[in-house]
Amino acid sequence: MEAKSTYMGTMIVLATVAFGLIAAGAWNKLIADVIALFLKPGAGIWAELIYAVLVTLLAILVVNGLGKMAAREIGPKT
């Protein structure tokens, strides 16, 4: 019986990761399209640098927020 629950847990994790990758690709396209509105086509390396910095900052904010949310859920360690 334990093998079945391990299998189900693994399948849930794999499905979650797969949907996470799909969502990440969608966000990547959206962010790239928004930046393209403000930069000329063929802006080259500067456009890529701005994109990389903005995505990095967004990732930091999201991960930091998720960490704080998780800390609230877990509560203080005693």
PDB file of N, CA and C in Angstrom:
ATOM      1  N   MET A   1       0.829  -1.194   0.000  1.00  0.00           N
ATOM      2  CA  MET A   1       0.000   0.000   0.000  1.00  0.00           C
ATOM      3  C   MET A   1       0.872   1.256   0.000  1.00  0.00           C
ATOM      4  N   GLU A   2       2.021   1.179   0.679  1.00  0.00           N
ATOM      5  CA  GLU A   2       2.914   2.337   0.756  1.00  0.00           C
ATOM      6  C   GLU A   2       3.479   2.697  -0.615  1.00  0.00           C
ATOM      7  N   ALA A   3       3.744   1.703  -1.444  1.00  0.00           N
ATOM      8  CA  ALA A   3       4.267   1.960  -2.786  1.00  0.00           C
ATOM      9  C   ALA A   3       3.255   2.736  -3.618  1.00  0.00           C
ATOM     10  N   LYS A   4       1.969   2.434  -3.446  1.00  0.00           N
ATOM     11  CA  LYS A   4       0.931   3.136  -4.199  1.00  0.00           C
ATOM     12  C   LYS A   4       0.868   4.609  -3.801  1.00  0.00           C
ATOM     13  N   SER A   5       0.970   4.904  -2.508  1.00  0.00           N
ATOM     14  CA  SER A   5       0.925   6.296  -2.073  1.00  0.00           C
ATOM     15  C   SER A   5       2.188   7.041  -2.510  1.00  0.00           C
ATOM     16  N   THR A   6       3.322   6.367  -2.524  1.00  0.00           N
ATOM     17  CA  THR A   6       4.558   6.981  -3.014  1.00  0.00           C
ATOM     18  C   THR A   6       4.438   7.290  -4.495  1.00  0.00           C
ATOM     19  N   TYR A   7       3.865   6.363  -5.247  1.00  0.00           N
ATOM     20  CA  TYR A   7       3.653   6.555  -6.675  1.00  0.00           C
ATOM     21  C   TYR A   7       2.739   7.748  -6.924  1.00  0.00           C
ATOM     22  N   MET A   8       1.622   7.819  -6.190  1.00  0.00           N
ATOM     23  CA  MET A   8       0.686   8.927  -6.357  1.00  0.00           C
ATOM     24  C   MET A   8       1.343  10.254  -5.987  1.00  0.00           C
ATOM     25  N   GLY A   9       2.117  10.266  -4.932  1.00  0.00           N
ATOM     26  CA  GLY A   9       2.814  11.487  -4.540  1.00  0.00           C
ATOM     27  C   GLY A   9       3.783  11.941  -5.614  1.00  0.00           C
ATOM     28  N   THR A  10       4.499  11.006  -6.201  1.00  0.00           N
ATOM     29  CA  THR A  10       5.443  11.330  -7.273  1.00  0.00           C
ATOM     30  C   THR A  10       4.714  11.872  -8.493  1.00  0.00           C
ATOM     31  N   MET A  11       3.595  11.268  -8.842  1.00  0.00           N
ATOM     32  CA  MET A  11       2.824  11.733  -9.996  1.00  0.00           C
ATOM     33  C   MET A  11       2.273  13.145  -9.771  1.00  0.00           C
ATOM     34  N   ILE A  12       1.848  13.440  -8.552  1.00  0.00           N
ATOM     35  CA  ILE A  12       1.353  14.778  -8.233  1.00  0.00           C
ATOM     36  C   ILE A  12       2.478  15.804  -8.347  1.00  0.00           C
ATOM     37  N   VAL A  13       3.647  15.456  -7.841  1.00  0.00           N
ATOM     38  CA  VAL A  13       4.792  16.365  -7.939  1.00  0.00           C
ATOM     39  C   VAL A  13       5.171  16.602  -9.395  1.00  0.00           C
ATOM     40  N   LEU A  14       5.209  15.551 -10.199  1.00  0.00           N
ATOM     41  CA  LEU A  14       5.553  15.698 -11.619  1.00  0.00           C
ATOM     42  C   LEU A  14       4.536  16.552 -12.365  1.00  0.00           C
ATOM     43  N   ALA A  15       3.257  16.354 -12.094  1.00  0.00           N
ATOM     44  CA  ALA A  15       2.223  17.156 -12.751  1.00  0.00           C
ATOM     45  C   ALA A  15       2.329  18.617 -12.322  1.00  0.00           C
ATOM     46  N   THR A  16       2.603  18.865 -11.055  1.00  0.00           N
ATOM     47  CA  THR A  16       2.762  20.224 -10.551  1.00  0.00           C
ATOM     48  C   THR A  16       3.938  20.917 -11.218  1.00  0.00           C
ATOM     49  N   VAL A  17       5.058  20.224 -11.335  1.00  0.00           N
ATOM     50  CA  VAL A  17       6.238  20.793 -11.990  1.00  0.00           C
ATOM     51  C   VAL A  17       5.955  21.079 -13.459  1.00  0.00           C
ATOM     52  N   ALA A  18       5.263  20.164 -14.129  1.00  0.00           N
ATOM     53  CA  ALA A  18       4.942  20.360 -15.544  1.00  0.00           C
ATOM     54  C   ALA A  18       4.083  21.607 -15.744  1.00  0.00           C
ATOM     55  N   PHE A  19       3.048  21.768 -14.926  1.00  0.00           N
ATOM     56  CA  PHE A  19       2.211  22.955 -15.045  1.00  0.00           C
ATOM     57  C   PHE A  19       2.982  24.217 -14.658  1.00  0.00           C
ATOM     58  N   GLY A  20       3.894  24.095 -13.711  1.00  0.00           N
ATOM     59  CA  GLY A  20       4.737  25.234 -13.340  1.00  0.00           C
ATOM     60  C   GLY A  20       5.613  25.685 -14.498  1.00  0.00           C
ATOM     61  N   LEU A  21       6.163  24.739 -15.239  1.00  0.00           N
ATOM     62  CA  LEU A  21       6.980  25.089 -16.406  1.00  0.00           C
ATOM     63  C   LEU A  21       6.147  25.761 -17.495  1.00  0.00           C
ATOM     64  N   ILE A  22       4.938  25.266 -17.693  1.00  0.00           N
ATOM     65  CA  ILE A  22       4.058  25.883 -18.692  1.00  0.00           C
ATOM     66  C   ILE A  22       3.720  27.314 -18.279  1.00  0.00           C
ATOM     67  N   ALA A  23       3.408  27.509 -17.002  1.00  0.00           N
ATOM     68  CA  ALA A  23       3.094  28.848 -16.504  1.00  0.00           C
ATOM     69  C   ALA A  23       4.308  29.767 -16.619  1.00  0.00           C
ATOM     70  N   ALA A  24       5.494  29.249 -16.320  1.00  0.00           N
ATOM     71  CA  ALA A  24       6.717  30.053 -16.430  1.00  0.00           C
ATOM     72  C   ALA A  24       6.941  30.497 -17.873  1.00  0.00           C
ATOM     73  N   GLY A  25       6.685  29.602 -18.821  1.00  0.00           N
ATOM     74  CA  GLY A  25       6.827  29.973 -20.231  1.00  0.00           C
ATOM     75  C   GLY A  25       5.850  31.060 -20.639  1.00  0.00           C
ATOM     76  N   ALA A  26       4.626  30.975 -20.123  1.00  0.00           N
ATOM     77  CA  ALA A  26       3.624  31.995 -20.433  1.00  0.00           C
ATOM     78  C   ALA A  26       4.026  33.348 -19.850  1.00  0.00           C
ATOM     79  N   TRP A  27       4.495  33.344 -18.607  1.00  0.00           N
ATOM     80  CA  TRP A  27       4.952  34.598 -17.987  1.00  0.00           C
ATOM     81  C   TRP A  27       6.156  35.158 -18.719  1.00  0.00           C
ATOM     82  N   ASN A  28       7.052  34.292 -19.143  1.00  0.00           N
ATOM     83  CA  ASN A  28       8.238  34.726 -19.877  1.00  0.00           C
ATOM     84  C   ASN A  28       7.835  35.460 -21.151  1.00  0.00           C
ATOM     85  N   LYS A  29       6.877  34.900 -21.876  1.00  0.00           N
ATOM     86  CA  LYS A  29       6.421  35.541 -23.114  1.00  0.00           C
ATOM     87  C   LYS A  29       5.756  36.875 -22.824  1.00  0.00           C
ATOM     88  N   LEU A  30       4.920  36.913 -21.802  1.00  0.00           N
ATOM     89  CA  LEU A  30       4.245  38.162 -21.447  1.00  0.00           C
ATOM     90  C   LEU A  30       5.253  39.256 -21.090  1.00  0.00           C
ATOM     91  N   ILE A  31       6.215  38.926 -20.244  1.00  0.00           N
ATOM     92  CA  ILE A  31       7.207  39.916 -19.829  1.00  0.00           C
ATOM     93  C   ILE A  31       8.019  40.387 -21.031  1.00  0.00           C
ATOM     94  N   ALA A  32       8.411  39.462 -21.887  1.00  0.00           N
ATOM     95  CA  ALA A  32       9.178  39.830 -23.081  1.00  0.00           C
ATOM     96  C   ALA A  32       8.358  40.746 -23.992  1.00  0.00           C
ATOM     97  N   ASP A  33       7.070  40.453 -24.147  1.00  0.00           N
ATOM     98  CA  ASP A  33       6.216  41.281 -24.995  1.00  0.00           C
ATOM     99  C   ASP A  33       6.020  42.676 -24.409  1.00  0.00           C
ATOM    100  N   VAL A  34       5.874  42.762 -23.090  1.00  0.00           N
ATOM    101  CA  VAL A  34       5.717  44.070 -22.445  1.00  0.00           C
ATOM    102  C   VAL A  34       6.985  44.898 -22.608  1.00  0.00           C
ATOM    103  N   ILE A  35       8.135  44.292 -22.423  1.00  0.00           N
ATOM    104  CA  ILE A  35       9.394  45.020 -22.591  1.00  0.00           C
ATOM    105  C   ILE A  35       9.566  45.455 -24.046  1.00  0.00           C
ATOM    106  N   ALA A  36       9.129  44.618 -24.968  1.00  0.00           N
ATOM    107  CA  ALA A  36       9.237  44.960 -26.395  1.00  0.00           C
ATOM    108  C   ALA A  36       8.407  46.195 -26.748  1.00  0.00           C
ATOM    109  N   LEU A  37       7.362  46.475 -25.967  1.00  0.00           N
ATOM    110  CA  LEU A  37       6.573  47.679 -26.206  1.00  0.00           C
ATOM    111  C   LEU A  37       7.396  48.951 -25.988  1.00  0.00           C
ATOM    112  N   PHE A  38       8.375  48.871 -25.090  1.00  0.00           N
ATOM    113  CA  PHE A  38       9.148  50.051 -24.714  1.00  0.00           C
ATOM    114  C   PHE A  38      10.512  50.132 -25.381  1.00  0.00           C
ATOM    115  N   LEU A  39      10.965  49.053 -25.971  1.00  0.00           N
ATOM    116  CA  LEU A  39      12.274  49.037 -26.618  1.00  0.00           C
ATOM    117  C   LEU A  39      12.104  48.831 -28.117  1.00  0.00           C
ATOM    118  N   LYS A  40      12.983  49.463 -28.871  1.00  0.00           N
ATOM    119  CA  LYS A  40      12.924  49.301 -30.325  1.00  0.00           C
ATOM    120  C   LYS A  40      13.317  47.879 -30.712  1.00  0.00           C
ATOM    121  N   PRO A  41      12.705  47.350 -31.773  1.00  0.00           N
ATOM    122  CA  PRO A  41      13.141  46.031 -32.254  1.00  0.00           C
ATOM    123  C   PRO A  41      14.614  46.076 -32.636  1.00  0.00           C
ATOM    124  N   GLY A  42      15.318  45.034 -32.317  1.00  0.00           N
ATOM    125  CA  GLY A  42      16.741  44.972 -32.630  1.00  0.00           C
ATOM    126  C   GLY A  42      17.588  45.785 -31.671  1.00  0.00           C
ATOM    127  N   ALA A  43      17.050  46.063 -30.472  1.00  0.00           N
ATOM    128  CA  ALA A  43      17.801  46.845 -29.495  1.00  0.00           C
ATOM    129  C   ALA A  43      19.020  46.069 -29.003  1.00  0.00           C
ATOM    130  N   GLY A  44      19.060  44.790 -29.275  1.00  0.00           N
ATOM    131  CA  GLY A  44      20.239  43.980 -29.020  1.00  0.00           C
ATOM    132  C   GLY A  44      20.494  43.677 -27.564  1.00  0.00           C
ATOM    133  N   ILE A  45      21.765  43.764 -27.209  1.00  0.00           N
ATOM    134  CA  ILE A  45      22.200  43.315 -25.892  1.00  0.00           C
ATOM    135  C   ILE A  45      21.608  44.145 -24.767  1.00  0.00           C
ATOM    136  N   TRP A  46      21.340  45.420 -25.017  1.00  0.00           N
ATOM    137  CA  TRP A  46      20.765  46.255 -23.961  1.00  0.00           C
ATOM    138  C   TRP A  46      19.355  45.792 -23.616  1.00  0.00           C
ATOM    139  N   ALA A  47      18.602  45.427 -24.618  1.00  0.00           N
ATOM    140  CA  ALA A  47      17.251  44.917 -24.370  1.00  0.00           C
ATOM    141  C   ALA A  47      17.308  43.616 -23.576  1.00  0.00           C
ATOM    142  N   GLU A  48      18.243  42.764 -23.914  1.00  0.00           N
ATOM    143  CA  GLU A  48      18.387  41.503 -23.192  1.00  0.00           C
ATOM    144  C   GLU A  48      18.838  41.739 -21.759  1.00  0.00           C
ATOM    145  N   LEU A  49      19.713  42.705 -21.555  1.00  0.00           N
ATOM    146  CA  LEU A  49      20.175  43.029 -20.203  1.00  0.00           C
ATOM    147  C   LEU A  49      19.015  43.554 -19.360  1.00  0.00           C
ATOM    148  N   ILE A  50      18.248  44.474 -19.917  1.00  0.00           N
ATOM    149  CA  ILE A  50      17.097  45.019 -19.186  1.00  0.00           C
ATOM    150  C   ILE A  50      16.110  43.907 -18.861  1.00  0.00           C
ATOM    151  N   TYR A  51      15.858  43.046 -19.829  1.00  0.00           N
ATOM    152  CA  TYR A  51      14.947  41.916 -19.620  1.00  0.00           C
ATOM    153  C   TYR A  51      15.459  41.019 -18.496  1.00  0.00           C
ATOM    154  N   ALA A  52      16.735  40.676 -18.530  1.00  0.00           N
ATOM    155  CA  ALA A  52      17.310  39.788 -17.514  1.00  0.00           C
ATOM    156  C   ALA A  52      17.229  40.415 -16.124  1.00  0.00           C
ATOM    157  N   VAL A  53      17.511  41.708 -16.027  1.00  0.00           N
ATOM    158  CA  VAL A  53      17.465  42.388 -14.729  1.00  0.00           C
ATOM    159  C   VAL A  53      16.030  42.424 -14.205  1.00  0.00           C
ATOM    160  N   LEU A  54      15.077  42.775 -15.070  1.00  0.00           N
ATOM    161  CA  LEU A  54      13.684  42.836 -14.629  1.00  0.00           C
ATOM    162  C   LEU A  54      13.154  41.471 -14.197  1.00  0.00           C
ATOM    163  N   VAL A  55      13.475  40.443 -14.947  1.00  0.00           N
ATOM    164  CA  VAL A  55      13.017  39.098 -14.584  1.00  0.00           C
ATOM    165  C   VAL A  55      13.666  38.650 -13.279  1.00  0.00           C
ATOM    166  N   THR A  56      14.936  38.981 -13.091  1.00  0.00           N
ATOM    167  CA  THR A  56      15.622  38.622 -11.849  1.00  0.00           C
ATOM    168  C   THR A  56      14.984  39.326 -10.654  1.00  0.00           C
ATOM    169  N   LEU A  57      14.708  40.616 -10.797  1.00  0.00           N
ATOM    170  CA  LEU A  57      14.060  41.360  -9.718  1.00  0.00           C
ATOM    171  C   LEU A  57      12.675  40.793  -9.419  1.00  0.00           C
ATOM    172  N   LEU A  58      11.922  40.465 -10.452  1.00  0.00           N
ATOM    173  CA  LEU A  58      10.607  39.875 -10.259  1.00  0.00           C
ATOM    174  C   LEU A  58      10.718  38.531  -9.531  1.00  0.00           C
ATOM    175  N   ALA A  59      11.682  37.731  -9.924  1.00  0.00           N
ATOM    176  CA  ALA A  59      11.880  36.427  -9.278  1.00  0.00           C
ATOM    177  C   ALA A  59      12.231  36.602  -7.798  1.00  0.00           C
ATOM    178  N   ILE A  60      13.078  37.571  -7.489  1.00  0.00           N
ATOM    179  CA  ILE A  60      13.457  37.822  -6.098  1.00  0.00           C
ATOM    180  C   ILE A  60      12.232  38.233  -5.288  1.00  0.00           C
ATOM    181  N   LEU A  61      11.423  39.129  -5.840  1.00  0.00           N
ATOM    182  CA  LEU A  61      10.227  39.579  -5.125  1.00  0.00           C
ATOM    183  C   LEU A  61       9.248  38.426  -4.884  1.00  0.00           C
ATOM    184  N   VAL A  62       9.036  37.605  -5.892  1.00  0.00           N
ATOM    185  CA  VAL A  62       8.092  36.492  -5.763  1.00  0.00           C
ATOM    186  C   VAL A  62       8.600  35.465  -4.751  1.00  0.00           C
ATOM    187  N   VAL A  63       9.861  35.093  -4.846  1.00  0.00           N
ATOM    188  CA  VAL A  63      10.414  34.093  -3.926  1.00  0.00           C
ATOM    189  C   VAL A  63      10.419  34.636  -2.497  1.00  0.00           C
ATOM    190  N   ASN A  64      10.756  35.907  -2.329  1.00  0.00           N
ATOM    191  CA  ASN A  64      10.743  36.519  -1.010  1.00  0.00           C
ATOM    192  C   ASN A  64       9.327  36.516  -0.438  1.00  0.00           C
ATOM    193  N   GLY A  65       8.351  36.880  -1.259  1.00  0.00           N
ATOM    194  CA  GLY A  65       6.958  36.868  -0.813  1.00  0.00           C
ATOM    195  C   GLY A  65       6.479  35.477  -0.442  1.00  0.00           C
ATOM    196  N   LEU A  66       6.847  34.493  -1.248  1.00  0.00           N
ATOM    197  CA  LEU A  66       6.464  33.115  -0.937  1.00  0.00           C
ATOM    198  C   LEU A  66       7.119  32.637   0.359  1.00  0.00           C
ATOM    199  N   GLY A  67       8.365  33.034   0.572  1.00  0.00           N
ATOM    200  CA  GLY A  67       9.052  32.668   1.811  1.00  0.00           C
ATOM    201  C   GLY A  67       8.367  33.262   3.032  1.00  0.00           C
ATOM    202  N   LYS A  68       7.953  34.521   2.942  1.00  0.00           N
ATOM    203  CA  LYS A  68       7.251  35.161   4.057  1.00  0.00           C
ATOM    204  C   LYS A  68       5.900  34.497   4.301  1.00  0.00           C
ATOM    205  N   MET A  69       5.209  34.160   3.216  1.00  0.00           N
ATOM    206  CA  MET A  69       3.919  33.496   3.345  1.00  0.00           C
ATOM    207  C   MET A  69       4.089  32.129   4.008  1.00  0.00           C
ATOM    208  N   ALA A  70       5.117  31.399   3.613  1.00  0.00           N
ATOM    209  CA  ALA A  70       5.374  30.086   4.206  1.00  0.00           C
ATOM    210  C   ALA A  70       5.731  30.229   5.680  1.00  0.00           C
ATOM    211  N   ALA A  71       6.499  31.263   6.013  1.00  0.00           N
ATOM    212  CA  ALA A  71       6.885  31.472   7.409  1.00  0.00           C
ATOM    213  C   ALA A  71       5.653  31.770   8.256  1.00  0.00           C
ATOM    214  N   ARG A  72       4.697  32.523   7.724  1.00  0.00           N
ATOM    215  CA  ARG A  72       3.458  32.803   8.463  1.00  0.00           C
ATOM    216  C   ARG A  72       2.645  31.521   8.664  1.00  0.00           C
ATOM    217  N   GLU A  73       2.625  30.659   7.651  1.00  0.00           N
ATOM    218  CA  GLU A  73       1.865  29.423   7.745  1.00  0.00           C
ATOM    219  C   GLU A  73       2.477  28.469   8.769  1.00  0.00           C
ATOM    220  N   ILE A  74       3.789  28.405   8.785  1.00  0.00           N
ATOM    221  CA  ILE A  74       4.481  27.497   9.699  1.00  0.00           C
ATOM    222  C   ILE A  74       4.458  28.053  11.120  1.00  0.00           C
ATOM    223  N   GLY A  75       4.584  29.361  11.230  1.00  0.00           N
ATOM    224  CA  GLY A  75       4.577  29.998  12.548  1.00  0.00           C
ATOM    225  C   GLY A  75       5.966  29.981  13.159  1.00  0.00           C
ATOM    226  N   PRO A  76       6.100  30.638  14.310  1.00  0.00           N
ATOM    227  CA  PRO A  76       7.408  30.695  14.962  1.00  0.00           C
ATOM    228  C   PRO A  76       7.824  29.336  15.491  1.00  0.00           C
ATOM    229  N   LYS A  77       9.118  29.069  15.417  1.00  0.00           N
ATOM    230  CA  LYS A  77       9.644  27.813  15.927  1.00  0.00           C
ATOM    231  C   LYS A  77       9.823  27.933  17.443  1.00  0.00           C
ATOM    232  N   THR A  78       9.396  26.893  18.142  1.00  0.00           N
ATOM    233  CA  THR A  78       9.524  26.914  19.607  1.00  0.00           C
ATOM    234  C   THR A  78      10.374  25.779  20.081  1.00  0.00           C
TER     235      THR A  78
END
